[in-house]
Amino acid sequence: KQLKQQLGNYPLQDYLEYRYLRLNLA
């Protein structure tokens, strides 16, 4: 989360968020 906040408008942000959500569905 700390690293993601520093990414600004990086195009692959949504991919990271997708992976995070998938890993934490429950």
PDB file of all heavy atoms in Angstrom:
ATOM      1  N   LYS A   1       0.824  -1.213   0.000  1.00  0.00           N
ATOM      2  CA  LYS A   1       0.000   0.000   0.000  1.00  0.00           C
ATOM      3  C   LYS A   1       0.860   1.266   0.000  1.00  0.00           C
ATOM      4  O   LYS A   1       0.538   2.247  -0.668  1.00  0.00           O
ATOM      5  CB  LYS A   1      -0.937  -0.012   1.202  1.00  0.00           C
ATOM      6  CG  LYS A   1      -2.040  -1.065   1.097  1.00  0.00           C
ATOM      7  CD  LYS A   1      -2.885  -1.113   2.360  1.00  0.00           C
ATOM      8  CE  LYS A   1      -3.942  -2.198   2.268  1.00  0.00           C
ATOM      9  NZ  LYS A   1      -4.752  -2.308   3.506  1.00  0.00           N
ATOM     10  N   GLN A   2       1.953   1.235   0.747  1.00  0.00           N
ATOM     11  CA  GLN A   2       2.854   2.390   0.772  1.00  0.00           C
ATOM     12  C   GLN A   2       3.469   2.645  -0.604  1.00  0.00           C
ATOM     13  O   GLN A   2       3.562   3.794  -1.059  1.00  0.00           O
ATOM     14  CB  GLN A   2       3.958   2.163   1.807  1.00  0.00           C
ATOM     15  CG  GLN A   2       3.464   2.173   3.254  1.00  0.00           C
ATOM     16  CD  GLN A   2       4.564   1.803   4.234  1.00  0.00           C
ATOM     17  OE1 GLN A   2       5.737   1.706   3.870  1.00  0.00           O
ATOM     18  NE2 GLN A   2       4.188   1.573   5.492  1.00  0.00           N
ATOM     19  N   LEU A   3       3.888   1.581  -1.260  1.00  0.00           N
ATOM     20  CA  LEU A   3       4.491   1.711  -2.587  1.00  0.00           C
ATOM     21  C   LEU A   3       3.467   2.154  -3.630  1.00  0.00           C
ATOM     22  O   LEU A   3       3.757   2.990  -4.487  1.00  0.00           O
ATOM     23  CB  LEU A   3       5.114   0.379  -3.006  1.00  0.00           C
ATOM     24  CG  LEU A   3       6.347  -0.047  -2.205  1.00  0.00           C
ATOM     25  CD1 LEU A   3       6.642  -1.522  -2.432  1.00  0.00           C
ATOM     26  CD2 LEU A   3       7.555   0.805  -2.595  1.00  0.00           C
ATOM     27  N   LYS A   4       2.270   1.611  -3.538  1.00  0.00           N
ATOM     28  CA  LYS A   4       1.227   1.943  -4.515  1.00  0.00           C
ATOM     29  C   LYS A   4       0.868   3.427  -4.463  1.00  0.00           C
ATOM     30  O   LYS A   4       0.580   4.041  -5.496  1.00  0.00           O
ATOM     31  CB  LYS A   4      -0.014   1.093  -4.269  1.00  0.00           C
ATOM     32  CG  LYS A   4      -1.108   1.282  -5.316  1.00  0.00           C
ATOM     33  CD  LYS A   4      -2.239   0.305  -5.090  1.00  0.00           C
ATOM     34  CE  LYS A   4      -3.344   0.530  -6.106  1.00  0.00           C
ATOM     35  NZ  LYS A   4      -4.027   1.812  -5.950  1.00  0.00           N
ATOM     36  N   GLN A   5       0.873   4.002  -3.285  1.00  0.00           N
ATOM     37  CA  GLN A   5       0.545   5.415  -3.140  1.00  0.00           C
ATOM     38  C   GLN A   5       1.539   6.322  -3.862  1.00  0.00           C
ATOM     39  O   GLN A   5       1.225   7.461  -4.206  1.00  0.00           O
ATOM     40  CB  GLN A   5       0.487   5.790  -1.657  1.00  0.00           C
ATOM     41  CG  GLN A   5      -0.740   5.242  -0.943  1.00  0.00           C
ATOM     42  CD  GLN A   5      -0.738   5.579   0.538  1.00  0.00           C
ATOM     43  OE1 GLN A   5       0.260   6.081   1.071  1.00  0.00           O
ATOM     44  NE2 GLN A   5      -1.850   5.324   1.214  1.00  0.00           N
ATOM     45  N   GLN A   6       2.735   5.809  -4.098  1.00  0.00           N
ATOM     46  CA  GLN A   6       3.779   6.614  -4.745  1.00  0.00           C
ATOM     47  C   GLN A   6       3.783   6.476  -6.273  1.00  0.00           C
ATOM     48  O   GLN A   6       4.562   7.129  -6.957  1.00  0.00           O
ATOM     49  CB  GLN A   6       5.152   6.198  -4.209  1.00  0.00           C
ATOM     50  CG  GLN A   6       5.314   6.348  -2.705  1.00  0.00           C
ATOM     51  CD  GLN A   6       6.647   5.795  -2.222  1.00  0.00           C
ATOM     52  OE1 GLN A   6       7.716   6.197  -2.708  1.00  0.00           O
ATOM     53  NE2 GLN A   6       6.613   4.866  -1.284  1.00  0.00           N
ATOM     54  N   LEU A   7       2.887   5.642  -6.797  1.00  0.00           N
ATOM     55  CA  LEU A   7       2.921   5.346  -8.223  1.00  0.00           C
ATOM     56  C   LEU A   7       2.318   6.444  -9.103  1.00  0.00           C
ATOM     57  O   LEU A   7       2.509   6.433 -10.317  1.00  0.00           O
ATOM     58  CB  LEU A   7       2.186   4.028  -8.503  1.00  0.00           C
ATOM     59  CG  LEU A   7       3.020   2.766  -8.294  1.00  0.00           C
ATOM     60  CD1 LEU A   7       2.157   1.529  -8.408  1.00  0.00           C
ATOM     61  CD2 LEU A   7       4.163   2.703  -9.296  1.00  0.00           C
ATOM     62  N   GLY A   8       1.574   7.366  -8.503  1.00  0.00           N
ATOM     63  CA  GLY A   8       0.990   8.447  -9.296  1.00  0.00           C
ATOM     64  C   GLY A   8       0.026   7.907 -10.332  1.00  0.00           C
ATOM     65  O   GLY A   8      -0.864   7.112 -10.016  1.00  0.00           O
ATOM     66  N   ASN A   9       0.215   8.296 -11.596  1.00  0.00           N
ATOM     67  CA  ASN A   9      -0.686   7.874 -12.672  1.00  0.00           C
ATOM     68  C   ASN A   9      -0.115   6.719 -13.500  1.00  0.00           C
ATOM     69  O   ASN A   9      -0.411   6.589 -14.686  1.00  0.00           O
ATOM     70  CB  ASN A   9      -0.995   9.059 -13.594  1.00  0.00           C
ATOM     71  CG  ASN A   9       0.280   9.625 -14.243  1.00  0.00           C
ATOM     72  OD1 ASN A   9       1.393   9.263 -13.870  1.00  0.00           O
ATOM     73  ND2 ASN A   9       0.105  10.516 -15.203  1.00  0.00           N
ATOM     74  N   TYR A  10       0.691   5.891 -12.894  1.00  0.00           N
ATOM     75  CA  TYR A  10       1.313   4.776 -13.618  1.00  0.00           C
ATOM     76  C   TYR A  10       0.230   3.868 -14.212  1.00  0.00           C
ATOM     77  O   TYR A  10      -0.725   3.475 -13.518  1.00  0.00           O
ATOM     78  CB  TYR A  10       2.204   3.978 -12.672  1.00  0.00           C
ATOM     79  CG  TYR A  10       3.080   2.964 -13.367  1.00  0.00           C
ATOM     80  CD1 TYR A  10       4.053   3.365 -14.282  1.00  0.00           C
ATOM     81  CD2 TYR A  10       2.941   1.606 -13.111  1.00  0.00           C
ATOM     82  CE1 TYR A  10       4.866   2.431 -14.919  1.00  0.00           C
ATOM     83  CE2 TYR A  10       3.751   0.667 -13.740  1.00  0.00           C
ATOM     84  CZ  TYR A  10       4.710   1.092 -14.640  1.00  0.00           C
ATOM     85  OH  TYR A  10       5.514   0.174 -15.281  1.00  0.00           O
ATOM     86  N   PRO A  11       0.334   3.504 -15.490  1.00  0.00           N
ATOM     87  CA  PRO A  11      -0.737   2.774 -16.189  1.00  0.00           C
ATOM     88  C   PRO A  11      -1.119   1.425 -15.579  1.00  0.00           C
ATOM     89  O   PRO A  11      -2.257   0.991 -15.721  1.00  0.00           O
ATOM     90  CB  PRO A  11      -0.159   2.572 -17.598  1.00  0.00           C
ATOM     91  CG  PRO A  11       0.862   3.632 -17.761  1.00  0.00           C
ATOM     92  CD  PRO A  11       1.444   3.855 -16.397  1.00  0.00           C
ATOM     93  N   LEU A  12      -0.180   0.750 -14.922  1.00  0.00           N
ATOM     94  CA  LEU A  12      -0.452  -0.597 -14.409  1.00  0.00           C
ATOM     95  C   LEU A  12      -0.926  -0.613 -12.954  1.00  0.00           C
ATOM     96  O   LEU A  12      -0.932  -1.659 -12.320  1.00  0.00           O
ATOM     97  CB  LEU A  12       0.797  -1.471 -14.563  1.00  0.00           C
ATOM     98  CG  LEU A  12       1.181  -1.804 -16.006  1.00  0.00           C
ATOM     99  CD1 LEU A  12       2.471  -2.597 -16.053  1.00  0.00           C
ATOM    100  CD2 LEU A  12       0.068  -2.567 -16.704  1.00  0.00           C
ATOM    101  N   GLN A  13      -1.348   0.533 -12.455  1.00  0.00           N
ATOM    102  CA  GLN A  13      -1.870   0.583 -11.083  1.00  0.00           C
ATOM    103  C   GLN A  13      -3.052  -0.361 -10.894  1.00  0.00           C
ATOM    104  O   GLN A  13      -3.166  -1.038  -9.873  1.00  0.00           O
ATOM    105  CB  GLN A  13      -2.314   2.006 -10.743  1.00  0.00           C
ATOM    106  CG  GLN A  13      -1.235   2.860 -10.117  1.00  0.00           C
ATOM    107  CD  GLN A  13      -1.811   4.005  -9.328  1.00  0.00           C
ATOM    108  OE1 GLN A  13      -2.145   3.847  -8.174  1.00  0.00           O
ATOM    109  NE2 GLN A  13      -1.923   5.157  -9.963  1.00  0.00           N
ATOM    110  N   ASP A  14      -3.970  -0.370 -11.877  1.00  0.00           N
ATOM    111  CA  ASP A  14      -5.164  -1.200 -11.750  1.00  0.00           C
ATOM    112  C   ASP A  14      -4.820  -2.686 -11.703  1.00  0.00           C
ATOM    113  O   ASP A  14      -5.512  -3.474 -11.059  1.00  0.00           O
ATOM    114  CB  ASP A  14      -6.131  -0.927 -12.909  1.00  0.00           C
ATOM    115  CG  ASP A  14      -6.838   0.411 -12.761  1.00  0.00           C
ATOM    116  OD1 ASP A  14      -6.911   0.919 -11.632  1.00  0.00           O
ATOM    117  OD2 ASP A  14      -7.304   0.953 -13.778  1.00  0.00           O
ATOM    118  N   TYR A  15      -3.756  -3.067 -12.390  1.00  0.00           N
ATOM    119  CA  TYR A  15      -3.333  -4.465 -12.337  1.00  0.00           C
ATOM    120  C   TYR A  15      -2.897  -4.838 -10.923  1.00  0.00           C
ATOM    121  O   TYR A  15      -3.250  -5.913 -10.422  1.00  0.00           O
ATOM    122  CB  TYR A  15      -2.186  -4.715 -13.320  1.00  0.00           C
ATOM    123  CG  TYR A  15      -1.563  -6.084 -13.153  1.00  0.00           C
ATOM    124  CD1 TYR A  15      -2.232  -7.230 -13.563  1.00  0.00           C
ATOM    125  CD2 TYR A  15      -0.318  -6.227 -12.544  1.00  0.00           C
ATOM    126  CE1 TYR A  15      -1.682  -8.493 -13.400  1.00  0.00           C
ATOM    127  CE2 TYR A  15       0.243  -7.483 -12.370  1.00  0.00           C
ATOM    128  CZ  TYR A  15      -0.440  -8.607 -12.802  1.00  0.00           C
ATOM    129  OH  TYR A  15       0.110  -9.856 -12.607  1.00  0.00           O
ATOM    130  N   LEU A  16      -2.151  -3.960 -10.283  1.00  0.00           N
ATOM    131  CA  LEU A  16      -1.733  -4.205  -8.899  1.00  0.00           C
ATOM    132  C   LEU A  16      -2.943  -4.333  -7.977  1.00  0.00           C
ATOM    133  O   LEU A  16      -3.012  -5.226  -7.132  1.00  0.00           O
ATOM    134  CB  LEU A  16      -0.833  -3.068  -8.404  1.00  0.00           C
ATOM    135  CG  LEU A  16       0.619  -3.049  -8.881  1.00  0.00           C
ATOM    136  CD1 LEU A  16       1.319  -1.807  -8.352  1.00  0.00           C
ATOM    137  CD2 LEU A  16       1.369  -4.301  -8.456  1.00  0.00           C
ATOM    138  N   GLU A  17      -3.900  -3.422  -8.163  1.00  0.00           N
ATOM    139  CA  GLU A  17      -5.100  -3.446  -7.318  1.00  0.00           C
ATOM    140  C   GLU A  17      -5.896  -4.730  -7.564  1.00  0.00           C
ATOM    141  O   GLU A  17      -6.423  -5.337  -6.624  1.00  0.00           O
ATOM    142  CB  GLU A  17      -5.965  -2.214  -7.615  1.00  0.00           C
ATOM    143  CG  GLU A  17      -7.151  -2.042  -6.692  1.00  0.00           C
ATOM    144  CD  GLU A  17      -6.750  -1.704  -5.252  1.00  0.00           C
ATOM    145  OE1 GLU A  17      -5.545  -1.487  -4.986  1.00  0.00           O
ATOM    146  OE2 GLU A  17      -7.636  -1.667  -4.396  1.00  0.00           O
ATOM    147  N   TYR A  18      -5.973  -5.133  -8.813  1.00  0.00           N
ATOM    148  CA  TYR A  18      -6.650  -6.395  -9.155  1.00  0.00           C
ATOM    149  C   TYR A  18      -6.008  -7.571  -8.423  1.00  0.00           C
ATOM    150  O   TYR A  18      -6.695  -8.414  -7.838  1.00  0.00           O
ATOM    151  CB  TYR A  18      -6.596  -6.603 -10.670  1.00  0.00           C
ATOM    152  CG  TYR A  18      -6.805  -8.036 -11.111  1.00  0.00           C
ATOM    153  CD1 TYR A  18      -8.074  -8.592 -11.155  1.00  0.00           C
ATOM    154  CD2 TYR A  18      -5.709  -8.840 -11.475  1.00  0.00           C
ATOM    155  CE1 TYR A  18      -8.261  -9.903 -11.557  1.00  0.00           C
ATOM    156  CE2 TYR A  18      -5.893 -10.142 -11.871  1.00  0.00           C
ATOM    157  CZ  TYR A  18      -7.167 -10.672 -11.920  1.00  0.00           C
ATOM    158  OH  TYR A  18      -7.344 -11.978 -12.303  1.00  0.00           O
ATOM    159  N   ARG A  19      -4.684  -7.625  -8.454  1.00  0.00           N
ATOM    160  CA  ARG A  19      -3.978  -8.713  -7.788  1.00  0.00           C
ATOM    161  C   ARG A  19      -4.209  -8.686  -6.277  1.00  0.00           C
ATOM    162  O   ARG A  19      -4.440  -9.720  -5.651  1.00  0.00           O
ATOM    163  CB  ARG A  19      -2.466  -8.619  -8.063  1.00  0.00           C
ATOM    164  CG  ARG A  19      -2.034  -9.152  -9.409  1.00  0.00           C
ATOM    165  CD  ARG A  19      -0.552  -9.500  -9.376  1.00  0.00           C
ATOM    166  NE  ARG A  19      -0.268 -10.558  -8.416  1.00  0.00           N
ATOM    167  CZ  ARG A  19       0.905 -10.726  -7.797  1.00  0.00           C
ATOM    168  NH1 ARG A  19       1.902  -9.904  -8.043  1.00  0.00           N
ATOM    169  NH2 ARG A  19       1.082 -11.711  -6.947  1.00  0.00           N
ATOM    170  N   TYR A  20      -4.172  -7.495  -5.702  1.00  0.00           N
ATOM    171  CA  TYR A  20      -4.376  -7.356  -4.254  1.00  0.00           C
ATOM    172  C   TYR A  20      -5.782  -7.826  -3.867  1.00  0.00           C
ATOM    173  O   TYR A  20      -5.945  -8.587  -2.892  1.00  0.00           O
ATOM    174  CB  TYR A  20      -4.174  -5.897  -3.835  1.00  0.00           C
ATOM    175  CG  TYR A  20      -4.619  -5.616  -2.423  1.00  0.00           C
ATOM    176  CD1 TYR A  20      -3.859  -6.024  -1.334  1.00  0.00           C
ATOM    177  CD2 TYR A  20      -5.825  -4.963  -2.172  1.00  0.00           C
ATOM    178  CE1 TYR A  20      -4.275  -5.789  -0.030  1.00  0.00           C
ATOM    179  CE2 TYR A  20      -6.250  -4.715  -0.873  1.00  0.00           C
ATOM    180  CZ  TYR A  20      -5.477  -5.132   0.195  1.00  0.00           C
ATOM    181  OH  TYR A  20      -5.911  -4.904   1.481  1.00  0.00           O
ATOM    182  N   LEU A  21      -6.781  -7.393  -4.618  1.00  0.00           N
ATOM    183  CA  LEU A  21      -8.162  -7.775  -4.314  1.00  0.00           C
ATOM    184  C   LEU A  21      -8.365  -9.273  -4.481  1.00  0.00           C
ATOM    185  O   LEU A  21      -9.026  -9.921  -3.665  1.00  0.00           O
ATOM    186  CB  LEU A  21      -9.125  -7.012  -5.225  1.00  0.00           C
ATOM    187  CG  LEU A  21      -9.174  -5.494  -5.031  1.00  0.00           C
ATOM    188  CD1 LEU A  21     -10.046  -4.842  -6.095  1.00  0.00           C
ATOM    189  CD2 LEU A  21      -9.679  -5.135  -3.642  1.00  0.00           C
ATOM    190  N   ARG A  22      -7.777  -9.826  -5.519  1.00  0.00           N
ATOM    191  CA  ARG A  22      -7.917 -11.263  -5.747  1.00  0.00           C
ATOM    192  C   ARG A  22      -7.291 -12.071  -4.610  1.00  0.00           C
ATOM    193  O   ARG A  22      -7.838 -13.099  -4.196  1.00  0.00           O
ATOM    194  CB  ARG A  22      -7.269 -11.632  -7.083  1.00  0.00           C
ATOM    195  CG  ARG A  22      -7.381 -13.106  -7.403  1.00  0.00           C
ATOM    196  CD  ARG A  22      -6.762 -13.426  -8.749  1.00  0.00           C
ATOM    197  NE  ARG A  22      -6.516 -14.861  -8.875  1.00  0.00           N
ATOM    198  CZ  ARG A  22      -5.938 -15.435  -9.911  1.00  0.00           C
ATOM    199  NH1 ARG A  22      -5.552 -14.703 -10.933  1.00  0.00           N
ATOM    200  NH2 ARG A  22      -5.747 -16.740  -9.939  1.00  0.00           N
ATOM    201  N   LEU A  23      -6.165 -11.612  -4.116  1.00  0.00           N
ATOM    202  CA  LEU A  23      -5.486 -12.320  -3.031  1.00  0.00           C
ATOM    203  C   LEU A  23      -6.224 -12.197  -1.703  1.00  0.00           C
ATOM    204  O   LEU A  23      -6.016 -13.010  -0.800  1.00  0.00           O
ATOM    205  CB  LEU A  23      -4.061 -11.777  -2.870  1.00  0.00           C
ATOM    206  CG  LEU A  23      -3.059 -12.152  -3.964  1.00  0.00           C
ATOM    207  CD1 LEU A  23      -1.795 -11.302  -3.855  1.00  0.00           C
ATOM    208  CD2 LEU A  23      -2.712 -13.638  -3.891  1.00  0.00           C
ATOM    209  N   ASN A  24      -7.107 -11.196  -1.593  1.00  0.00           N
ATOM    210  CA  ASN A  24      -7.758 -10.928  -0.306  1.00  0.00           C
ATOM    211  C   ASN A  24      -9.278 -10.979  -0.387  1.00  0.00           C
ATOM    212  O   ASN A  24      -9.970 -10.331   0.401  1.00  0.00           O
ATOM    213  CB  ASN A  24      -7.318  -9.556   0.210  1.00  0.00           C
ATOM    214  CG  ASN A  24      -5.855  -9.531   0.608  1.00  0.00           C
ATOM    215  OD1 ASN A  24      -5.481  -9.900   1.721  1.00  0.00           O
ATOM    216  ND2 ASN A  24      -5.009  -9.093  -0.319  1.00  0.00           N
ATOM    217  N   LEU A  25      -9.799 -11.752  -1.325  1.00  0.00           N
ATOM    218  CA  LEU A  25     -11.245 -11.809  -1.535  1.00  0.00           C
ATOM    219  C   LEU A  25     -12.025 -12.098  -0.254  1.00  0.00           C
ATOM    220  O   LEU A  25     -13.049 -11.477   0.015  1.00  0.00           O
ATOM    221  CB  LEU A  25     -11.573 -12.881  -2.576  1.00  0.00           C
ATOM    222  CG  LEU A  25     -11.402 -12.497  -4.044  1.00  0.00           C
ATOM    223  CD1 LEU A  25     -11.644 -13.713  -4.922  1.00  0.00           C
ATOM    224  CD2 LEU A  25     -12.346 -11.382  -4.417  1.00  0.00           C
ATOM    225  N   ALA A  26     -11.551 -13.054   0.515  1.00  0.00           N
ATOM    226  CA  ALA A  26     -12.291 -13.501   1.694  1.00  0.00           C
ATOM    227  C   ALA A  26     -12.354 -12.438   2.786  1.00  0.00           C
ATOM    228  O   ALA A  26     -13.269 -12.443   3.610  1.00  0.00           O
ATOM    229  CB  ALA A  26     -11.668 -14.777   2.252  1.00  0.00           C
TER     230      ALA A  26
END
